[in-house]
Amino acid sequence: MGSSVQTDLEEQSTSKLSTQALSFFLHSLLALASWMALMLLGYAINPSGVPNSSFFCCRPPCARRRIPGRTHLSREMATLVWLLGIIWFLIVCLWVLNMPTGPNQCLQCEATEKLTRTFFSLPSPSGLIDNDGPFIGTWPAVALVGYSMGAKLGFRRPK
């Protein structure tokens, strides 16, 4: 009798783990899809007079605050999507740090300057990743962290 109870508990924990993993990846896809939709909308409107820093300020939680609440996915997993954003950013950082430099590609840059110029274009773009560092590394990470923050705010219970 003890063996069947243990088997049932193992099946329940396996089922819960697979449900959590599925929920985590669906929330991640939802966060990245909302980021892509926002980027496509930005390119369609083409706001040439608006600085890039203003997009950084308005993206995270306010734009995605209500989306997770309308899904039937795990609330717990929605608030953990920021981990994927950090992991993504670190992977892209390692890729950039291993890139060779040359003329018009951050020649004689140290590691900190290489990352700063690639991901934030400060003081000027590095030339690495065809100057798409913010698009490839920074914005997806910010979208995932912002989704997580928005989910945390959106799932708060009213008092």
Protein backbone atom coordinates (compact mmCIF):
# COMPACT_ATOMS: atom_id res chain seq x y z
CA MET A 1 0.00 0.00 0.00
CA GLY A 2 2.88 2.38 0.75
CA SER A 3 4.36 1.71 -2.70
CA SER A 4 1.22 2.79 -4.54
CA VAL A 5 0.99 6.02 -2.49
CA GLN A 6 4.61 6.81 -3.30
CA THR A 7 3.99 6.13 -7.01
CA ASP A 8 0.94 8.43 -6.97
CA LEU A 9 2.97 11.21 -5.32
CA GLU A 10 5.74 10.81 -7.90
CA GLU A 11 3.23 11.00 -10.75
CA GLN A 12 1.64 14.13 -9.25
CA SER A 13 5.00 15.84 -8.81
CA THR A 14 6.03 14.93 -12.36
CA SER A 15 2.72 16.24 -13.68
CA LYS A 16 3.11 19.46 -11.69
CA LEU A 17 6.68 19.94 -12.91
CA SER A 18 5.70 19.47 -16.56
CA THR A 19 2.78 21.88 -16.11
CA GLN A 20 5.09 24.47 -14.57
CA ALA A 21 7.65 24.07 -17.36
CA LEU A 22 4.96 24.42 -20.02
CA SER A 23 3.53 27.48 -18.28
CA PHE A 24 6.99 29.06 -17.98
CA PHE A 25 7.75 28.65 -21.67
CA LEU A 26 4.29 29.84 -22.74
CA HIS A 27 4.71 32.97 -20.63
CA SER A 28 8.16 33.46 -22.16
CA LEU A 29 6.72 33.17 -25.66
CA LEU A 30 3.94 35.58 -24.76
CA ALA A 31 6.48 38.11 -23.43
CA LEU A 32 8.66 37.83 -26.54
CA ALA A 33 5.63 38.01 -28.85
CA SER A 34 4.46 41.19 -27.16
CA TRP A 35 7.98 42.62 -27.52
CA MET A 36 8.03 41.75 -31.22
CA ALA A 37 4.59 43.30 -31.72
CA LEU A 38 5.75 46.46 -29.99
CA MET A 39 8.89 46.57 -32.14
CA LEU A 40 6.90 46.05 -35.34
CA LEU A 41 4.48 48.77 -34.30
CA GLY A 42 7.41 51.07 -33.60
CA TYR A 43 8.92 50.39 -37.01
CA ALA A 44 5.54 50.87 -38.71
CA ILE A 45 4.97 54.23 -37.03
CA ASN A 46 8.68 55.13 -37.34
CA PRO A 47 8.84 57.80 -34.65
CA SER A 48 11.96 59.60 -35.88
CA GLY A 49 11.63 62.50 -33.45
CA VAL A 50 11.32 60.30 -30.36
CA PRO A 51 14.57 59.31 -28.60
CA ASN A 52 15.23 55.62 -27.90
CA SER A 53 15.38 56.24 -24.15
CA SER A 54 11.67 57.07 -24.09
CA PHE A 55 10.85 53.60 -25.43
CA PHE A 56 12.91 52.11 -22.62
CA CYS A 57 10.84 53.93 -20.02
CA CYS A 58 7.42 52.95 -21.32
CA ARG A 59 7.94 49.30 -22.18
CA PRO A 60 8.12 47.20 -19.08
CA PRO A 61 5.15 46.60 -16.80
CA CYS A 62 2.53 49.07 -17.94
CA ALA A 63 2.21 47.63 -21.45
CA ARG A 64 1.93 44.02 -20.32
CA ARG A 65 0.18 44.43 -17.02
CA ARG A 66 -3.18 43.01 -18.00
CA ILE A 67 -2.10 40.33 -20.49
CA PRO A 68 -0.97 37.66 -17.98
CA GLY A 69 -4.12 38.08 -15.87
CA ARG A 70 -6.31 37.05 -18.78
CA THR A 71 -4.50 33.80 -19.43
CA HIS A 72 -5.12 30.60 -17.55
CA LEU A 73 -1.43 29.97 -17.08
CA SER A 74 0.35 29.70 -13.78
CA ARG A 75 0.72 33.02 -12.01
CA GLU A 76 3.79 31.74 -10.21
CA MET A 77 5.60 31.04 -13.47
CA ALA A 78 4.70 34.40 -15.00
CA THR A 79 6.66 36.19 -12.30
CA LEU A 80 9.75 34.03 -12.93
CA VAL A 81 10.18 34.88 -16.61
CA TRP A 82 12.80 37.50 -15.66
CA LEU A 83 15.26 34.64 -15.14
CA LEU A 84 15.12 33.83 -18.84
CA GLY A 85 15.78 37.48 -19.65
CA ILE A 86 18.88 37.53 -17.46
CA ILE A 87 20.13 34.24 -18.90
CA TRP A 88 19.56 35.52 -22.46
CA PHE A 89 21.45 38.74 -21.73
CA LEU A 90 24.38 36.83 -20.19
CA ILE A 91 24.61 34.47 -23.17
CA VAL A 92 24.69 37.38 -25.61
CA CYS A 93 27.28 39.15 -23.40
CA LEU A 94 29.56 36.11 -23.59
CA TRP A 95 29.09 35.98 -27.36
CA VAL A 96 30.03 39.66 -27.70
CA LEU A 97 33.04 39.33 -25.42
CA ASN A 98 34.39 36.46 -27.54
CA MET A 99 34.05 38.43 -30.80
CA PRO A 100 37.23 39.63 -32.44
CA THR A 101 37.68 43.38 -32.80
CA GLY A 102 39.10 45.32 -35.71
CA PRO A 103 38.73 48.56 -37.63
CA ASN A 104 35.17 49.91 -37.23
CA GLN A 105 34.52 47.13 -34.72
CA CYS A 106 35.50 48.46 -31.30
CA LEU A 107 39.22 48.34 -31.99
CA GLN A 108 41.26 48.06 -28.76
CA CYS A 109 38.17 48.13 -26.52
CA GLU A 110 38.28 46.64 -23.05
CA ALA A 111 35.51 44.27 -21.95
CA THR A 112 33.41 46.90 -20.20
CA GLU A 113 33.60 49.32 -23.11
CA LYS A 114 32.84 46.52 -25.56
CA LEU A 115 29.63 45.63 -23.71
CA THR A 116 28.56 49.21 -23.09
CA ARG A 117 29.03 50.29 -26.67
CA THR A 118 27.39 47.13 -28.04
CA PHE A 119 24.27 47.00 -25.87
CA PHE A 120 23.67 50.66 -25.07
CA SER A 121 25.53 52.46 -27.91
CA LEU A 122 27.24 54.73 -25.37
CA PRO A 123 29.12 56.90 -26.38
CA SER A 124 28.84 55.42 -29.88
CA PRO A 125 27.97 51.98 -31.30
CA SER A 126 30.73 49.40 -31.23
CA GLY A 127 30.22 48.01 -34.72
CA LEU A 128 29.87 44.49 -33.33
CA ILE A 129 26.78 42.44 -34.26
CA ASP A 130 26.21 44.98 -37.05
CA ASN A 131 25.21 47.54 -34.39
CA ASP A 132 22.16 45.44 -33.50
CA GLY A 133 23.26 44.87 -29.89
CA PRO A 134 20.26 46.60 -28.34
CA PHE A 135 17.85 44.72 -30.61
CA ILE A 136 19.47 41.31 -30.04
CA GLY A 137 20.57 41.55 -26.43
CA THR A 138 19.07 44.43 -24.50
CA TRP A 139 15.46 44.66 -25.65
CA PRO A 140 14.53 40.96 -25.35
CA ALA A 141 16.00 40.89 -21.84
CA VAL A 142 14.13 44.08 -20.90
CA ALA A 143 10.91 42.67 -22.37
CA LEU A 144 11.19 39.48 -20.29
CA VAL A 145 12.04 41.36 -17.10
CA GLY A 146 9.25 43.86 -17.80
CA TYR A 147 6.76 41.05 -18.40
CA SER A 148 7.70 39.55 -15.07
CA MET A 149 7.30 42.89 -13.31
CA GLY A 150 3.96 43.45 -15.03
CA ALA A 151 2.78 39.99 -14.04
CA LYS A 152 3.74 40.67 -10.44
CA LEU A 153 1.75 43.93 -10.47
CA GLY A 154 -1.14 42.44 -12.44
CA PHE A 155 -1.55 39.44 -10.17
CA ARG A 156 -1.69 41.43 -6.95
CA ARG A 157 -4.88 40.84 -5.08
CA PRO A 158 -6.96 43.95 -4.37
CA LYS A 159 -7.15 44.67 -0.64
